Amino acid sequence: MQLLVDIKDKTKESVLLNFLKSLNYISVEEVESKDVYLSDSQKEILDERRNSTVAEEFIPWEKAKKQLKSKRK
């Protein structure tokens, strides 16, 4: 299994990476976003979603985040 992790707080990056590297069953490979490729089927799905979305239906991130937090409680 592969897992993509996007670390927003760069000050925590080295702590997480050092911990993961210390586990003998995990290998850590840093990949630049420019090196991530999508298959044709993944591109088709993204194109379909882009073409079927309506900007007026979007929820601003701050509002969506509050809705998600309230559902967790």
C-alpha atoms as a PDB file:
ATOM      1  CA  MET A   1       0.000   0.000   0.000  1.00  0.00           C
ATOM      2  CA  GLN A   2       1.167   3.516  -0.730  1.00  0.00           C
ATOM      3  CA  LEU A   3       0.090   6.585   1.146  1.00  0.00           C
ATOM      4  CA  LEU A   4       0.413  10.201   0.067  1.00  0.00           C
ATOM      5  CA  VAL A   5       0.825  12.653   2.937  1.00  0.00           C
ATOM      6  CA  ASP A   6       0.645  16.407   2.487  1.00  0.00           C
ATOM      7  CA  ILE A   7       2.204  18.054   5.550  1.00  0.00           C
ATOM      8  CA  LYS A   8       0.839  21.574   5.940  1.00  0.00           C
ATOM      9  CA  ASP A   9       2.922  22.557   8.964  1.00  0.00           C
ATOM     10  CA  LYS A  10       6.504  22.294   7.709  1.00  0.00           C
ATOM     11  CA  THR A  11       7.834  22.593  11.273  1.00  0.00           C
ATOM     12  CA  LYS A  12       6.336  19.159  12.000  1.00  0.00           C
ATOM     13  CA  GLU A  13       7.626  17.566   8.809  1.00  0.00           C
ATOM     14  CA  SER A  14      10.942  16.292  10.150  1.00  0.00           C
ATOM     15  CA  VAL A  15       9.333  14.847  13.295  1.00  0.00           C
ATOM     16  CA  LEU A  16       6.881  12.780  11.271  1.00  0.00           C
ATOM     17  CA  LEU A  17       9.460  11.702   8.695  1.00  0.00           C
ATOM     18  CA  ASN A  18      11.966  10.666  11.366  1.00  0.00           C
ATOM     19  CA  PHE A  19       9.304   8.620  13.130  1.00  0.00           C
ATOM     20  CA  LEU A  20       8.220   6.886   9.927  1.00  0.00           C
ATOM     21  CA  LYS A  21      11.828   6.155   8.977  1.00  0.00           C
ATOM     22  CA  SER A  22      12.375   4.558  12.387  1.00  0.00           C
ATOM     23  CA  LEU A  23       9.771   1.883  11.626  1.00  0.00           C
ATOM     24  CA  ASN A  24      11.405  -1.123  10.005  1.00  0.00           C
ATOM     25  CA  TYR A  25       8.294  -2.014   7.971  1.00  0.00           C
ATOM     26  CA  ILE A  26       7.905   1.379   6.264  1.00  0.00           C
ATOM     27  CA  SER A  27      10.028   2.896   3.538  1.00  0.00           C
ATOM     28  CA  VAL A  28       9.906   6.644   3.004  1.00  0.00           C
ATOM     29  CA  GLU A  29      10.331   8.139  -0.426  1.00  0.00           C
ATOM     30  CA  GLU A  30       9.961  11.846  -0.983  1.00  0.00           C
ATOM     31  CA  VAL A  31       8.198  12.733  -4.227  1.00  0.00           C
ATOM     32  CA  GLU A  32       7.797  16.165  -5.729  1.00  0.00           C
ATOM     33  CA  SER A  33       4.291  17.044  -6.905  1.00  0.00           C
ATOM     34  CA  LYS A  34       5.656  17.525 -10.420  1.00  0.00           C
ATOM     35  CA  ASP A  35       6.598  13.822 -10.376  1.00  0.00           C
ATOM     36  CA  VAL A  36       3.064  12.582  -9.614  1.00  0.00           C
ATOM     37  CA  TYR A  37       1.299  11.253 -12.698  1.00  0.00           C
ATOM     38  CA  LEU A  38      -2.341  10.429 -13.287  1.00  0.00           C
ATOM     39  CA  SER A  39      -3.531   7.567 -15.431  1.00  0.00           C
ATOM     40  CA  ASP A  40      -5.837   8.288 -18.357  1.00  0.00           C
ATOM     41  CA  SER A  41      -8.804   6.899 -16.411  1.00  0.00           C
ATOM     42  CA  GLN A  42      -8.010   9.187 -13.459  1.00  0.00           C
ATOM     43  CA  LYS A  43      -7.804  12.154 -15.831  1.00  0.00           C
ATOM     44  CA  GLU A  44     -11.178  11.201 -17.326  1.00  0.00           C
ATOM     45  CA  ILE A  45     -12.777  11.117 -13.884  1.00  0.00           C
ATOM     46  CA  LEU A  46     -11.363  14.544 -13.053  1.00  0.00           C
ATOM     47  CA  ASP A  47     -12.539  15.947 -16.385  1.00  0.00           C
ATOM     48  CA  GLU A  48     -16.050  14.558 -15.800  1.00  0.00           C
ATOM     49  CA  ARG A  49     -16.182  16.099 -12.337  1.00  0.00           C
ATOM     50  CA  ARG A  50     -14.924  19.441 -13.638  1.00  0.00           C
ATOM     51  CA  ASN A  51     -17.524  19.465 -16.395  1.00  0.00           C
ATOM     52  CA  SER A  52     -20.396  18.511 -14.085  1.00  0.00           C
ATOM     53  CA  THR A  53     -19.713  21.033 -11.320  1.00  0.00           C
ATOM     54  CA  VAL A  54     -21.483  24.333 -10.889  1.00  0.00           C
ATOM     55  CA  ALA A  55     -19.560  27.073  -9.084  1.00  0.00           C
ATOM     56  CA  GLU A  56     -22.709  28.252  -7.280  1.00  0.00           C
ATOM     57  CA  GLU A  57     -22.951  24.858  -5.553  1.00  0.00           C
ATOM     58  CA  PHE A  58     -19.504  25.127  -3.975  1.00  0.00           C
ATOM     59  CA  ILE A  59     -19.262  25.639  -0.236  1.00  0.00           C
ATOM     60  CA  PRO A  60     -16.443  27.873   1.028  1.00  0.00           C
ATOM     61  CA  TRP A  61     -13.794  25.824   2.845  1.00  0.00           C
ATOM     62  CA  GLU A  62     -14.281  27.556   6.201  1.00  0.00           C
ATOM     63  CA  LYS A  63     -18.013  26.757   6.160  1.00  0.00           C
ATOM     64  CA  ALA A  64     -17.423  23.157   5.038  1.00  0.00           C
ATOM     65  CA  LYS A  65     -14.803  22.690   7.771  1.00  0.00           C
ATOM     66  CA  LYS A  66     -17.306  23.851  10.418  1.00  0.00           C
ATOM     67  CA  GLN A  67     -19.923  21.447   9.049  1.00  0.00           C
ATOM     68  CA  LEU A  68     -17.459  18.559   9.193  1.00  0.00           C
ATOM     69  CA  LYS A  69     -16.435  19.399  12.744  1.00  0.00           C
ATOM     70  CA  SER A  70     -20.052  19.597  13.914  1.00  0.00           C
ATOM     71  CA  LYS A  71     -20.784  16.144  12.394  1.00  0.00           C
ATOM     72  CA  ARG A  72     -17.931  14.591  14.406  1.00  0.00           C
ATOM     73  CA  LYS A  73     -19.472  15.559  17.748  1.00  0.00           C
END
